[in-house]
Full PDB file with SEQRES, HELIX, SHEET, SSBOND, CRYST1, ORIGX, SCALE, CONECT and MASTER records, all heavy atoms in Angstrom:
SEQRES   1 A   40  ASP ILE HIS ALA LYS LEU ARG LEU LEU HIS TYR ARG ASP          
SEQRES   2 A   40  ILE THR ASP THR TYR THR GLY LEU ARG THR SER PHE LEU          
SEQRES   3 A   40  GLN GLY LEU PHE LEU SER LEU LEU PHE SER VAL LEU LEU          
SEQRES   4 A   40  SER                                                          
HELIX    1 AA1 THR A   15  LEU A   39  1                                  25    
CRYST1    1.000    1.000    1.000  90.00  90.00  90.00 P 1           1          
ORIGX1      1.000000  0.000000  0.000000        0.00000                         
ORIGX2      0.000000  1.000000  0.000000        0.00000                         
ORIGX3      0.000000  0.000000  1.000000        0.00000                         
SCALE1      1.000000  0.000000  0.000000        0.00000                         
SCALE2      0.000000  1.000000  0.000000        0.00000                         
SCALE3      0.000000  0.000000  1.000000        0.00000                         
ATOM      1  N   ASP A   1       0.838  -1.207   0.000  1.00  0.00           N  
ATOM      2  CA  ASP A   1       0.000   0.000   0.000  1.00  0.00           C  
ATOM      3  C   ASP A   1       0.867   1.248   0.000  1.00  0.00           C  
ATOM      4  O   ASP A   1       1.929   1.306   0.654  1.00  0.00           O  
ATOM      5  CB  ASP A   1      -0.915   0.014   1.224  1.00  0.00           C  
ATOM      6  CG  ASP A   1      -1.931  -1.122   1.179  1.00  0.00           C  
ATOM      7  OD1 ASP A   1      -2.351  -1.482   0.060  1.00  0.00           O  
ATOM      8  OD2 ASP A   1      -2.263  -1.678   2.253  1.00  0.00           O  
ATOM      9  N   ILE A   2       0.391   2.270  -0.752  1.00  0.00           N  
ATOM     10  CA  ILE A   2       1.094   3.560  -0.860  1.00  0.00           C  
ATOM     11  C   ILE A   2       0.113   4.674  -0.442  1.00  0.00           C  
ATOM     12  O   ILE A   2      -0.970   4.810  -1.027  1.00  0.00           O  
ATOM     13  CB  ILE A   2       1.578   3.811  -2.300  1.00  0.00           C  
ATOM     14  CG1 ILE A   2       2.505   2.665  -2.755  1.00  0.00           C  
ATOM     15  CG2 ILE A   2       2.289   5.159  -2.409  1.00  0.00           C  
ATOM     16  CD1 ILE A   2       2.878   2.752  -4.206  1.00  0.00           C  
ATOM     17  N   HIS A   3       0.526   5.408   0.581  1.00  0.00           N  
ATOM     18  CA  HIS A   3      -0.278   6.556   1.072  1.00  0.00           C  
ATOM     19  C   HIS A   3      -1.690   6.136   1.449  1.00  0.00           C  
ATOM     20  O   HIS A   3      -2.616   6.945   1.356  1.00  0.00           O  
ATOM     21  CB  HIS A   3      -0.361   7.664   0.008  1.00  0.00           C  
ATOM     22  CG  HIS A   3       0.984   8.204  -0.402  1.00  0.00           C  
ATOM     23  ND1 HIS A   3       1.979   8.524   0.489  1.00  0.00           N  
ATOM     24  CD2 HIS A   3       1.499   8.464  -1.631  1.00  0.00           C  
ATOM     25  CE1 HIS A   3       3.062   8.960  -0.139  1.00  0.00           C  
ATOM     26  NE2 HIS A   3       2.799   8.929  -1.458  1.00  0.00           N  
ATOM     27  N   ALA A   4      -1.889   4.895   1.815  1.00  0.00           N  
ATOM     28  CA  ALA A   4      -3.167   4.398   2.332  1.00  0.00           C  
ATOM     29  C   ALA A   4      -4.292   4.419   1.317  1.00  0.00           C  
ATOM     30  O   ALA A   4      -5.372   3.896   1.589  1.00  0.00           O  
ATOM     31  CB  ALA A   4      -3.590   5.192   3.568  1.00  0.00           C  
ATOM     32  N   LYS A   5      -4.064   4.989   0.117  1.00  0.00           N  
ATOM     33  CA  LYS A   5      -5.117   5.010  -0.900  1.00  0.00           C  
ATOM     34  C   LYS A   5      -4.747   4.214  -2.139  1.00  0.00           C  
ATOM     35  O   LYS A   5      -5.614   3.712  -2.846  1.00  0.00           O  
ATOM     36  CB  LYS A   5      -5.435   6.458  -1.310  1.00  0.00           C  
ATOM     37  CG  LYS A   5      -6.253   7.205  -0.291  1.00  0.00           C  
ATOM     38  CD  LYS A   5      -6.757   8.510  -0.880  1.00  0.00           C  
ATOM     39  CE  LYS A   5      -7.712   9.213   0.101  1.00  0.00           C  
ATOM     40  NZ  LYS A   5      -8.293  10.429  -0.505  1.00  0.00           N  
ATOM     41  N   LEU A   6      -3.477   4.149  -2.402  1.00  0.00           N  
ATOM     42  CA  LEU A   6      -3.006   3.424  -3.584  1.00  0.00           C  
ATOM     43  C   LEU A   6      -2.417   2.062  -3.191  1.00  0.00           C  
ATOM     44  O   LEU A   6      -1.800   1.923  -2.134  1.00  0.00           O  
ATOM     45  CB  LEU A   6      -1.945   4.245  -4.327  1.00  0.00           C  
ATOM     46  CG  LEU A   6      -2.415   5.561  -4.945  1.00  0.00           C  
ATOM     47  CD1 LEU A   6      -1.231   6.291  -5.558  1.00  0.00           C  
ATOM     48  CD2 LEU A   6      -3.482   5.322  -5.987  1.00  0.00           C  
ATOM     49  N   ARG A   7      -2.629   1.102  -4.055  1.00  0.00           N  
ATOM     50  CA  ARG A   7      -2.079  -0.242  -3.824  1.00  0.00           C  
ATOM     51  C   ARG A   7      -1.394  -0.671  -5.105  1.00  0.00           C  
ATOM     52  O   ARG A   7      -1.998  -0.677  -6.176  1.00  0.00           O  
ATOM     53  CB  ARG A   7      -3.174  -1.222  -3.446  1.00  0.00           C  
ATOM     54  CG  ARG A   7      -2.684  -2.668  -3.335  1.00  0.00           C  
ATOM     55  CD  ARG A   7      -3.724  -3.560  -2.734  1.00  0.00           C  
ATOM     56  NE  ARG A   7      -3.936  -3.253  -1.326  1.00  0.00           N  
ATOM     57  CZ  ARG A   7      -4.825  -3.863  -0.543  1.00  0.00           C  
ATOM     58  NH1 ARG A   7      -5.603  -4.802  -1.067  1.00  0.00           N  
ATOM     59  NH2 ARG A   7      -4.960  -3.528   0.724  1.00  0.00           N  
ATOM     60  N   LEU A   8      -0.133  -1.047  -4.962  1.00  0.00           N  
ATOM     61  CA  LEU A   8       0.672  -1.502  -6.096  1.00  0.00           C  
ATOM     62  C   LEU A   8       0.811  -3.015  -6.011  1.00  0.00           C  
ATOM     63  O   LEU A   8       1.201  -3.564  -4.977  1.00  0.00           O  
ATOM     64  CB  LEU A   8       2.057  -0.845  -6.059  1.00  0.00           C  
ATOM     65  CG  LEU A   8       2.980  -1.123  -7.242  1.00  0.00           C  
ATOM     66  CD1 LEU A   8       2.354  -0.628  -8.548  1.00  0.00           C  
ATOM     67  CD2 LEU A   8       4.331  -0.459  -7.021  1.00  0.00           C  
ATOM     68  N   LEU A   9       0.498  -3.702  -7.103  1.00  0.00           N  
ATOM     69  CA  LEU A   9       0.499  -5.177  -7.123  1.00  0.00           C  
ATOM     70  C   LEU A   9       1.428  -5.682  -8.206  1.00  0.00           C  
ATOM     71  O   LEU A   9       1.431  -5.156  -9.323  1.00  0.00           O  
ATOM     72  CB  LEU A   9      -0.921  -5.685  -7.361  1.00  0.00           C  
ATOM     73  CG  LEU A   9      -1.159  -7.199  -7.417  1.00  0.00           C  
ATOM     74  CD1 LEU A   9      -2.517  -7.533  -6.824  1.00  0.00           C  
ATOM     75  CD2 LEU A   9      -1.086  -7.716  -8.853  1.00  0.00           C  
ATOM     76  N   HIS A  10       2.221  -6.695  -7.868  1.00  0.00           N  
ATOM     77  CA  HIS A  10       3.070  -7.408  -8.828  1.00  0.00           C  
ATOM     78  C   HIS A  10       2.602  -8.858  -8.907  1.00  0.00           C  
ATOM     79  O   HIS A  10       2.226  -9.452  -7.893  1.00  0.00           O  
ATOM     80  CB  HIS A  10       4.538  -7.384  -8.379  1.00  0.00           C  
ATOM     81  CG  HIS A  10       5.295  -6.218  -8.907  1.00  0.00           C  
ATOM     82  ND1 HIS A  10       6.662  -6.233  -9.087  1.00  0.00           N  
ATOM     83  CD2 HIS A  10       4.883  -4.990  -9.314  1.00  0.00           C  
ATOM     84  CE1 HIS A  10       7.073  -5.067  -9.555  1.00  0.00           C  
ATOM     85  NE2 HIS A  10       6.002  -4.282  -9.695  1.00  0.00           N  
ATOM     86  N   TYR A  11       2.659  -9.421 -10.076  1.00  0.00           N  
ATOM     87  CA  TYR A  11       2.338 -10.836 -10.219  1.00  0.00           C  
ATOM     88  C   TYR A  11       3.349 -11.490 -11.143  1.00  0.00           C  
ATOM     89  O   TYR A  11       3.981 -10.807 -11.966  1.00  0.00           O  
ATOM     90  CB  TYR A  11       0.908 -11.026 -10.750  1.00  0.00           C  
ATOM     91  CG  TYR A  11       0.726 -10.614 -12.193  1.00  0.00           C  
ATOM     92  CD1 TYR A  11       0.923 -11.528 -13.235  1.00  0.00           C  
ATOM     93  CD2 TYR A  11       0.366  -9.304 -12.520  1.00  0.00           C  
ATOM     94  CE1 TYR A  11       0.766 -11.143 -14.545  1.00  0.00           C  
ATOM     95  CE2 TYR A  11       0.206  -8.915 -13.832  1.00  0.00           C  
ATOM     96  CZ  TYR A  11       0.395  -9.845 -14.842  1.00  0.00           C  
ATOM     97  OH  TYR A  11       0.250  -9.452 -16.147  1.00  0.00           O  
ATOM     98  N   ARG A  12       3.486 -12.802 -10.943  1.00  0.00           N  
ATOM     99  CA  ARG A  12       4.381 -13.574 -11.817  1.00  0.00           C  
ATOM    100  C   ARG A  12       3.723 -14.917 -12.108  1.00  0.00           C  
ATOM    101  O   ARG A  12       3.206 -15.587 -11.198  1.00  0.00           O  
ATOM    102  CB  ARG A  12       5.743 -13.808 -11.159  1.00  0.00           C  
ATOM    103  CG  ARG A  12       6.644 -14.743 -11.981  1.00  0.00           C  
ATOM    104  CD  ARG A  12       8.009 -14.940 -11.394  1.00  0.00           C  
ATOM    105  NE  ARG A  12       8.814 -13.743 -11.559  1.00  0.00           N  
ATOM    106  CZ  ARG A  12      10.124 -13.677 -11.292  1.00  0.00           C  
ATOM    107  NH1 ARG A  12      10.753 -14.751 -10.839  1.00  0.00           N  
ATOM    108  NH2 ARG A  12      10.786 -12.550 -11.451  1.00  0.00           N  
ATOM    109  N   ASP A  13       3.772 -15.277 -13.347  1.00  0.00           N  
ATOM    110  CA  ASP A  13       3.226 -16.573 -13.770  1.00  0.00           C  
ATOM    111  C   ASP A  13       4.242 -17.671 -13.421  1.00  0.00           C  
ATOM    112  O   ASP A  13       5.342 -17.707 -13.972  1.00  0.00           O  
ATOM    113  CB  ASP A  13       2.962 -16.546 -15.273  1.00  0.00           C  
ATOM    114  CG  ASP A  13       2.216 -17.801 -15.745  1.00  0.00           C  
ATOM    115  OD1 ASP A  13       2.142 -18.776 -14.968  1.00  0.00           O  
ATOM    116  OD2 ASP A  13       1.713 -17.796 -16.880  1.00  0.00           O  
ATOM    117  N   ILE A  14       3.877 -18.536 -12.478  1.00  0.00           N  
ATOM    118  CA  ILE A  14       4.780 -19.633 -12.043  1.00  0.00           C  
ATOM    119  C   ILE A  14       4.216 -20.997 -12.441  1.00  0.00           C  
ATOM    120  O   ILE A  14       4.529 -22.017 -11.827  1.00  0.00           O  
ATOM    121  CB  ILE A  14       5.022 -19.579 -10.518  1.00  0.00           C  
ATOM    122  CG1 ILE A  14       3.691 -19.711  -9.767  1.00  0.00           C  
ATOM    123  CG2 ILE A  14       5.749 -18.317 -10.117  1.00  0.00           C  
ATOM    124  CD1 ILE A  14       3.871 -19.876  -8.276  1.00  0.00           C  
ATOM    125  N   THR A  15       3.397 -20.987 -13.482  1.00  0.00           N  
ATOM    126  CA  THR A  15       2.812 -22.257 -13.938  1.00  0.00           C  
ATOM    127  C   THR A  15       3.894 -23.239 -14.364  1.00  0.00           C  
ATOM    128  O   THR A  15       3.814 -24.444 -14.074  1.00  0.00           O  
ATOM    129  CB  THR A  15       1.851 -21.997 -15.100  1.00  0.00           C  
ATOM    130  OG1 THR A  15       0.864 -21.059 -14.693  1.00  0.00           O  
ATOM    131  CG2 THR A  15       1.165 -23.286 -15.539  1.00  0.00           C  
ATOM    132  N   ASP A  16       4.909 -22.705 -15.057  1.00  0.00           N  
ATOM    133  CA  ASP A  16       5.996 -23.600 -15.500  1.00  0.00           C  
ATOM    134  C   ASP A  16       6.706 -24.250 -14.324  1.00  0.00           C  
ATOM    135  O   ASP A  16       7.127 -25.411 -14.400  1.00  0.00           O  
ATOM    136  CB  ASP A  16       6.998 -22.806 -16.342  1.00  0.00           C  
ATOM    137  CG  ASP A  16       6.408 -22.380 -17.675  1.00  0.00           C  
ATOM    138  OD1 ASP A  16       5.387 -22.983 -18.067  1.00  0.00           O  
ATOM    139  OD2 ASP A  16       6.953 -21.456 -18.299  1.00  0.00           O  
ATOM    140  N   THR A  17       6.823 -23.486 -13.231  1.00  0.00           N  
ATOM    141  CA  THR A  17       7.470 -24.053 -12.043  1.00  0.00           C  
ATOM    142  C   THR A  17       6.662 -25.216 -11.496  1.00  0.00           C  
ATOM    143  O   THR A  17       7.199 -26.290 -11.191  1.00  0.00           O  
ATOM    144  CB  THR A  17       7.623 -22.969 -10.968  1.00  0.00           C  
ATOM    145  OG1 THR A  17       8.398 -21.895 -11.482  1.00  0.00           O  
ATOM    146  CG2 THR A  17       8.300 -23.539  -9.725  1.00  0.00           C  
ATOM    147  N   TYR A  18       5.341 -25.029 -11.382  1.00  0.00           N  
ATOM    148  CA  TYR A  18       4.477 -26.092 -10.860  1.00  0.00           C  
ATOM    149  C   TYR A  18       4.441 -27.297 -11.795  1.00  0.00           C  
ATOM    150  O   TYR A  18       4.565 -28.440 -11.374  1.00  0.00           O  
ATOM    151  CB  TYR A  18       3.061 -25.556 -10.642  1.00  0.00           C  
ATOM    152  CG  TYR A  18       2.843 -25.031  -9.245  1.00  0.00           C  
ATOM    153  CD1 TYR A  18       3.305 -23.768  -8.888  1.00  0.00           C  
ATOM    154  CD2 TYR A  18       2.195 -25.795  -8.299  1.00  0.00           C  
ATOM    155  CE1 TYR A  18       3.120 -23.286  -7.607  1.00  0.00           C  
ATOM    156  CE2 TYR A  18       1.994 -25.319  -7.010  1.00  0.00           C  
ATOM    157  CZ  TYR A  18       2.468 -24.058  -6.671  1.00  0.00           C  
ATOM    158  OH  TYR A  18       2.281 -23.596  -5.404  1.00  0.00           O  
ATOM    159  N   THR A  19       4.244 -27.007 -13.079  1.00  0.00           N  
ATOM    160  CA  THR A  19       4.177 -28.125 -14.038  1.00  0.00           C  
ATOM    161  C   THR A  19       5.527 -28.829 -14.150  1.00  0.00           C  
ATOM    162  O   THR A  19       5.591 -30.050 -14.339  1.00  0.00           O  
ATOM    163  CB  THR A  19       3.737 -27.624 -15.414  1.00  0.00           C  
ATOM    164  OG1 THR A  19       4.625 -26.567 -15.856  1.00  0.00           O  
ATOM    165  CG2 THR A  19       2.319 -27.095 -15.359  1.00  0.00           C  
ATOM    166  N   GLY A  20       6.598 -28.059 -14.047  1.00  0.00           N  
ATOM    167  CA  GLY A  20       7.928 -28.670 -14.094  1.00  0.00           C  
ATOM    168  C   GLY A  20       8.160 -29.611 -12.914  1.00  0.00           C  
ATOM    169  O   GLY A  20       8.686 -30.716 -13.065  1.00  0.00           O  
ATOM    170  N   LEU A  21       7.734 -29.143 -11.716  1.00  0.00           N  
ATOM    171  CA  LEU A  21       7.864 -30.006 -10.545  1.00  0.00           C  
ATOM    172  C   LEU A  21       7.002 -31.256 -10.679  1.00  0.00           C  
ATOM    173  O   LEU A  21       7.407 -32.357 -10.318  1.00  0.00           O  
ATOM    174  CB  LEU A  21       7.487 -29.223  -9.285  1.00  0.00           C  
ATOM    175  CG  LEU A  21       8.450 -28.103  -8.880  1.00  0.00           C  
ATOM    176  CD1 LEU A  21       7.876 -27.321  -7.705  1.00  0.00           C  
ATOM    177  CD2 LEU A  21       9.816 -28.668  -8.509  1.00  0.00           C  
ATOM    178  N   ARG A  22       5.788 -31.078 -11.189  1.00  0.00           N  
ATOM    179  CA  ARG A  22       4.897 -32.225 -11.372  1.00  0.00           C  
ATOM    180  C   ARG A  22       5.479 -33.195 -12.401  1.00  0.00           C  
ATOM    181  O   ARG A  22       5.426 -34.404 -12.229  1.00  0.00           O  
ATOM    182  CB  ARG A  22       3.529 -31.735 -11.826  1.00  0.00           C  
ATOM    183  CG  ARG A  22       2.485 -32.844 -11.894  1.00  0.00           C  
ATOM    184  CD  ARG A  22       1.156 -32.294 -12.361  1.00  0.00           C  
ATOM    185  NE  ARG A  22       0.717 -31.207 -11.511  1.00  0.00           N  
ATOM    186  CZ  ARG A  22      -0.134 -30.262 -11.907  1.00  0.00           C  
ATOM    187  NH1 ARG A  22      -0.597 -30.262 -13.144  1.00  0.00           N  
ATOM    188  NH2 ARG A  22      -0.517 -29.322 -11.074  1.00  0.00           N  
ATOM    189  N   THR A  23       6.032 -32.635 -13.468  1.00  0.00           N  
ATOM    190  CA  THR A  23       6.659 -33.487 -14.484  1.00  0.00           C  
ATOM    191  C   THR A  23       7.841 -34.246 -13.892  1.00  0.00           C  
ATOM    192  O   THR A  23       8.033 -35.442 -14.154  1.00  0.00           O  
ATOM    193  CB  THR A  23       7.112 -32.646 -15.676  1.00  0.00           C  
ATOM    194  OG1 THR A  23       5.992 -31.947 -16.218  1.00  0.00           O  
ATOM    195  CG2 THR A  23       7.742 -33.514 -16.746  1.00  0.00           C  
ATOM    196  N   SER A  24       8.625 -33.532 -13.063  1.00  0.00           N  
ATOM    197  CA  SER A  24       9.767 -34.188 -12.417  1.00  0.00           C  
ATOM    198  C   SER A  24       9.304 -35.316 -11.500  1.00  0.00           C  
ATOM    199  O   SER A  24       9.907 -36.399 -11.452  1.00  0.00           O  
ATOM    200  CB  SER A  24      10.578 -33.171 -11.613  1.00  0.00           C  
ATOM    201  OG  SER A  24      11.095 -32.173 -12.461  1.00  0.00           O  
ATOM    202  N   PHE A  25       8.189 -35.065 -10.779  1.00  0.00           N  
ATOM    203  CA  PHE A  25       7.651 -36.092  -9.894  1.00  0.00           C  
ATOM    204  C   PHE A  25       7.185 -37.315 -10.686  1.00  0.00           C  
ATOM    205  O   PHE A  25       7.468 -38.461 -10.320  1.00  0.00           O  
ATOM    206  CB  PHE A  25       6.497 -35.508  -9.080  1.00  0.00           C  
ATOM    207  CG  PHE A  25       5.756 -36.545  -8.280  1.00  0.00           C  
ATOM    208  CD1 PHE A  25       6.310 -37.085  -7.130  1.00  0.00           C  
ATOM    209  CD2 PHE A  25       4.507 -36.982  -8.693  1.00  0.00           C  
ATOM    210  CE1 PHE A  25       5.626 -38.050  -6.396  1.00  0.00           C  
ATOM    211  CE2 PHE A  25       3.819 -37.945  -7.968  1.00  0.00           C  
ATOM    212  CZ  PHE A  25       4.389 -38.470  -6.810  1.00  0.00           C  
ATOM    213  N   LEU A  26       6.457 -37.059 -11.785  1.00  0.00           N  
ATOM    214  CA  LEU A  26       5.960 -38.166 -12.594  1.00  0.00           C  
ATOM    215  C   LEU A  26       7.116 -38.939 -13.231  1.00  0.00           C  
ATOM    216  O   LEU A  26       7.081 -40.172 -13.321  1.00  0.00           O  
ATOM    217  CB  LEU A  26       5.009 -37.644 -13.678  1.00  0.00           C  
ATOM    218  CG  LEU A  26       3.681 -37.076 -13.167  1.00  0.00           C  
ATOM    219  CD1 LEU A  26       2.876 -36.505 -14.328  1.00  0.00           C  
ATOM    220  CD2 LEU A  26       2.886 -38.131 -12.416  1.00  0.00           C  
ATOM    221  N   GLN A  27       8.149 -38.190 -13.670  1.00  0.00           N  
ATOM    222  CA  GLN A  27       9.316 -38.866 -14.234  1.00  0.00           C  
ATOM    223  C   GLN A  27      10.015 -39.726 -13.178  1.00  0.00           C  
ATOM    224  O   GLN A  27      10.419 -40.861 -13.447  1.00  0.00           O  
ATOM    225  CB  GLN A  27      10.284 -37.837 -14.812  1.00  0.00           C  
ATOM    226  CG  GLN A  27       9.779 -37.172 -16.091  1.00  0.00           C  
ATOM    227  CD  GLN A  27      10.725 -36.088 -16.572  1.00  0.00           C  
ATOM    228  OE1 GLN A  27      11.632 -35.668 -15.847  1.00  0.00           O  
ATOM    229  NE2 GLN A  27      10.507 -35.633 -17.806  1.00  0.00           N  
ATOM    230  N   GLY A  28      10.157 -39.129 -11.977  1.00  0.00           N  
ATOM    231  CA  GLY A  28      10.775 -39.891 -10.892  1.00  0.00           C  
ATOM    232  C   GLY A  28       9.962 -41.122 -10.532  1.00  0.00           C  
ATOM    233  O   GLY A  28      10.501 -42.203 -10.274  1.00  0.00           O  
ATOM    234  N   LEU A  29       8.614 -40.958 -10.530  1.00  0.00           N  
ATOM    235  CA  LEU A  29       7.752 -42.087 -10.218  1.00  0.00           C  
ATOM    236  C   LEU A  29       7.852 -43.172 -11.291  1.00  0.00           C  
ATOM    237  O   LEU A  29       7.875 -44.379 -10.990  1.00  0.00           O  
ATOM    238  CB  LEU A  29       6.309 -41.605 -10.093  1.00  0.00           C  
ATOM    239  CG  LEU A  29       5.304 -42.591  -9.495  1.00  0.00           C  
ATOM    240  CD1 LEU A  29       5.704 -42.957  -8.069  1.00  0.00           C  
ATOM    241  CD2 LEU A  29       3.911 -42.004  -9.523  1.00  0.00           C  
ATOM    242  N   PHE A  30       7.938 -42.740 -12.553  1.00  0.00           N  
ATOM    243  CA  PHE A  30       8.085 -43.705 -13.642  1.00  0.00           C  
ATOM    244  C   PHE A  30       9.412 -44.455 -13.530  1.00  0.00           C  
ATOM    245  O   PHE A  30       9.470 -45.679 -13.692  1.00  0.00           O  
ATOM    246  CB  PHE A  30       7.997 -42.980 -14.991  1.00  0.00           C  
ATOM    247  CG  PHE A  30       8.308 -43.875 -16.163  1.00  0.00           C  
ATOM    248  CD1 PHE A  30       7.382 -44.811 -16.607  1.00  0.00           C  
ATOM    249  CD2 PHE A  30       9.539 -43.787 -16.814  1.00  0.00           C  
ATOM    250  CE1 PHE A  30       7.672 -45.640 -17.679  1.00  0.00           C  
ATOM    251  CE2 PHE A  30       9.829 -44.614 -17.887  1.00  0.00           C  
ATOM    252  CZ  PHE A  30       8.895 -45.536 -18.323  1.00  0.00           C  
ATOM    253  N   LEU A  31      10.475 -43.685 -13.241  1.00  0.00           N  
ATOM    254  CA  LEU A  31      11.782 -44.349 -13.073  1.00  0.00           C  
ATOM    255  C   LEU A  31      11.763 -45.297 -11.879  1.00  0.00           C  
ATOM    256  O   LEU A  31      12.359 -46.388 -11.930  1.00  0.00           O  
ATOM    257  CB  LEU A  31      12.879 -43.283 -12.895  1.00  0.00           C  
ATOM    258  CG  LEU A  31      13.201 -42.448 -14.134  1.00  0.00           C  
ATOM    259  CD1 LEU A  31      14.227 -41.373 -13.802  1.00  0.00           C  
ATOM    260  CD2 LEU A  31      13.731 -43.329 -15.261  1.00  0.00           C  
ATOM    261  N   SER A  32      11.069 -44.883 -10.795  1.00  0.00           N  
ATOM    262  CA  SER A  32      10.963 -45.766  -9.627  1.00  0.00           C  
ATOM    263  C   SER A  32      10.206 -47.035  -9.981  1.00  0.00           C  
ATOM    264  O   SER A  32      10.571 -48.138  -9.564  1.00  0.00           O  
ATOM    265  CB  SER A  32      10.253 -45.045  -8.483  1.00  0.00           C  
ATOM    266  OG  SER A  32      10.990 -43.920  -8.070  1.00  0.00           O  
ATOM    267  N   LEU A  33       9.134 -46.874 -10.767  1.00  0.00           N  
ATOM    268  CA  LEU A  33       8.363 -48.037 -11.183  1.00  0.00           C  
ATOM    269  C   LEU A  33       9.195 -48.967 -12.049  1.00  0.00           C  
ATOM    270  O   LEU A  33       9.180 -50.190 -11.880  1.00  0.00           O  
ATOM    271  CB  LEU A  33       7.113 -47.580 -11.936  1.00  0.00           C  
ATOM    272  CG  LEU A  33       6.160 -48.685 -12.404  1.00  0.00           C  
ATOM    273  CD1 LEU A  33       5.626 -49.461 -11.207  1.00  0.00           C  
ATOM    274  CD2 LEU A  33       5.014 -48.103 -13.206  1.00  0.00           C  
ATOM    275  N   LEU A  34       9.942 -48.361 -12.994  1.00  0.00           N  
ATOM    276  CA  LEU A  34      10.811 -49.167 -13.849  1.00  0.00           C  
ATOM    277  C   LEU A  34      11.878 -49.884 -13.033  1.00  0.00           C  
ATOM    278  O   LEU A  34      12.141 -51.081 -13.215  1.00  0.00           O  
ATOM    279  CB  LEU A  34      11.454 -48.269 -14.913  1.00  0.00           C  
ATOM    280  CG  LEU A  34      12.411 -48.957 -15.897  1.00  0.00           C  
ATOM    281  CD1 LEU A  34      11.672 -50.021 -16.701  1.00  0.00           C  
ATOM    282  CD2 LEU A  34      13.057 -47.933 -16.829  1.00  0.00           C  
ATOM    283  N   PHE A  35      12.470 -49.134 -12.109  1.00  0.00           N  
ATOM    284  CA  PHE A  35      13.490 -49.730 -11.245  1.00  0.00           C  
ATOM    285  C   PHE A  35      12.879 -50.830 -10.378  1.00  0.00           C  
ATOM    286  O   PHE A  35      13.520 -51.865 -10.118  1.00  0.00           O  
ATOM    287  CB  PHE A  35      14.113 -48.645 -10.363  1.00  0.00           C  
ATOM    288  CG  PHE A  35      15.179 -49.150  -9.438  1.00  0.00           C  
ATOM    289  CD1 PHE A  35      16.421 -49.549  -9.913  1.00  0.00           C  
ATOM    290  CD2 PHE A  35      14.934 -49.248  -8.078  1.00  0.00           C  
ATOM    291  CE1 PHE A  35      17.394 -50.021  -9.046  1.00  0.00           C  
ATOM    292  CE2 PHE A  35      15.898 -49.716  -7.210  1.00  0.00           C  
ATOM    293  CZ  PHE A  35      17.134 -50.106  -7.695  1.00  0.00           C  
ATOM    294  N   SER A  36      11.639 -50.632  -9.931  1.00  0.00           N  
ATOM    295  CA  SER A  36      10.966 -51.637  -9.100  1.00  0.00           C  
ATOM    296  C   SER A  36      10.722 -52.920  -9.884  1.00  0.00           C  
ATOM    297  O   SER A  36      10.863 -54.024  -9.349  1.00  0.00           O  
ATOM    298  CB  SER A  36       9.636 -51.097  -8.573  1.00  0.00           C  
ATOM    299  OG  SER A  36       9.845 -49.962  -7.775  1.00  0.00           O  
ATOM    300  N   VAL A  37      10.352 -52.774 -11.159  1.00  0.00           N  
ATOM    301  CA  VAL A  37      10.140 -53.955 -11.996  1.00  0.00           C  
ATOM    302  C   VAL A  37      11.442 -54.729 -12.148  1.00  0.00           C  
ATOM    303  O   VAL A  37      11.489 -55.962 -12.012  1.00  0.00           O  
ATOM    304  CB  VAL A  37       9.569 -53.555 -13.365  1.00  0.00           C  
ATOM    305  CG1 VAL A  37       9.534 -54.752 -14.303  1.00  0.00           C  
ATOM    306  CG2 VAL A  37       8.172 -52.973 -13.214  1.00  0.00           C  
ATOM    307  N   LEU A  38      12.524 -53.971 -12.447  1.00  0.00           N  
ATOM    308  CA  LEU A  38      13.828 -54.629 -12.577  1.00  0.00           C  
ATOM    309  C   LEU A  38      14.251 -55.270 -11.257  1.00  0.00           C  
ATOM    310  O   LEU A  38      14.780 -56.391 -11.226  1.00  0.00           O  
ATOM    311  CB  LEU A  38      14.878 -53.612 -13.027  1.00  0.00           C  
ATOM    312  CG  LEU A  38      14.667 -53.009 -14.424  1.00  0.00           C  
ATOM    313  CD1 LEU A  38      15.719 -51.941 -14.707  1.00  0.00           C  
ATOM    314  CD2 LEU A  38      14.718 -54.090 -15.498  1.00  0.00           C  
ATOM    315  N   LEU A  39      13.986 -54.534 -10.159  1.00  0.00           N  
ATOM    316  CA  LEU A  39      14.339 -55.069  -8.854  1.00  0.00           C  
ATOM    317  C   LEU A  39      13.525 -56.313  -8.531  1.00  0.00           C  
ATOM    318  O   LEU A  39      14.041 -57.283  -7.951  1.00  0.00           O  
ATOM    319  CB  LEU A  39      14.110 -54.006  -7.777  1.00  0.00           C  
ATOM    320  CG  LEU A  39      14.442 -54.426  -6.339  1.00  0.00           C  
ATOM    321  CD1 LEU A  39      15.927 -54.728  -6.205  1.00  0.00           C  
ATOM    322  CD2 LEU A  39      14.042 -53.341  -5.351  1.00  0.00           C  
ATOM    323  N   SER A  40      12.238 -56.310  -8.887  1.00  0.00           N  
ATOM    324  CA  SER A  40      11.400 -57.484  -8.615  1.00  0.00           C  
ATOM    325  C   SER A  40      11.918 -58.707  -9.375  1.00  0.00           C  
ATOM    326  O   SER A  40      11.934 -59.819  -8.841  1.00  0.00           O  
ATOM    327  CB  SER A  40       9.949 -57.192  -8.984  1.00  0.00           C  
ATOM    328  OG  SER A  40       9.826 -56.975 -10.384  1.00  0.00           O  
TER     329      SER A  40                                                      
MASTER        0    0    0    1    0    0    0    6  328    1    0    4          
END                                                                             
């Protein structure tokens, strides 16, 4: 807030960060599954 009447807002699109983490998780899960099959 500026001078109690004005409000300045910043935003950033972090969709790539979330999707990247989700992709990394799915890749890790797939590798774990593959490794589990080999281990079995």
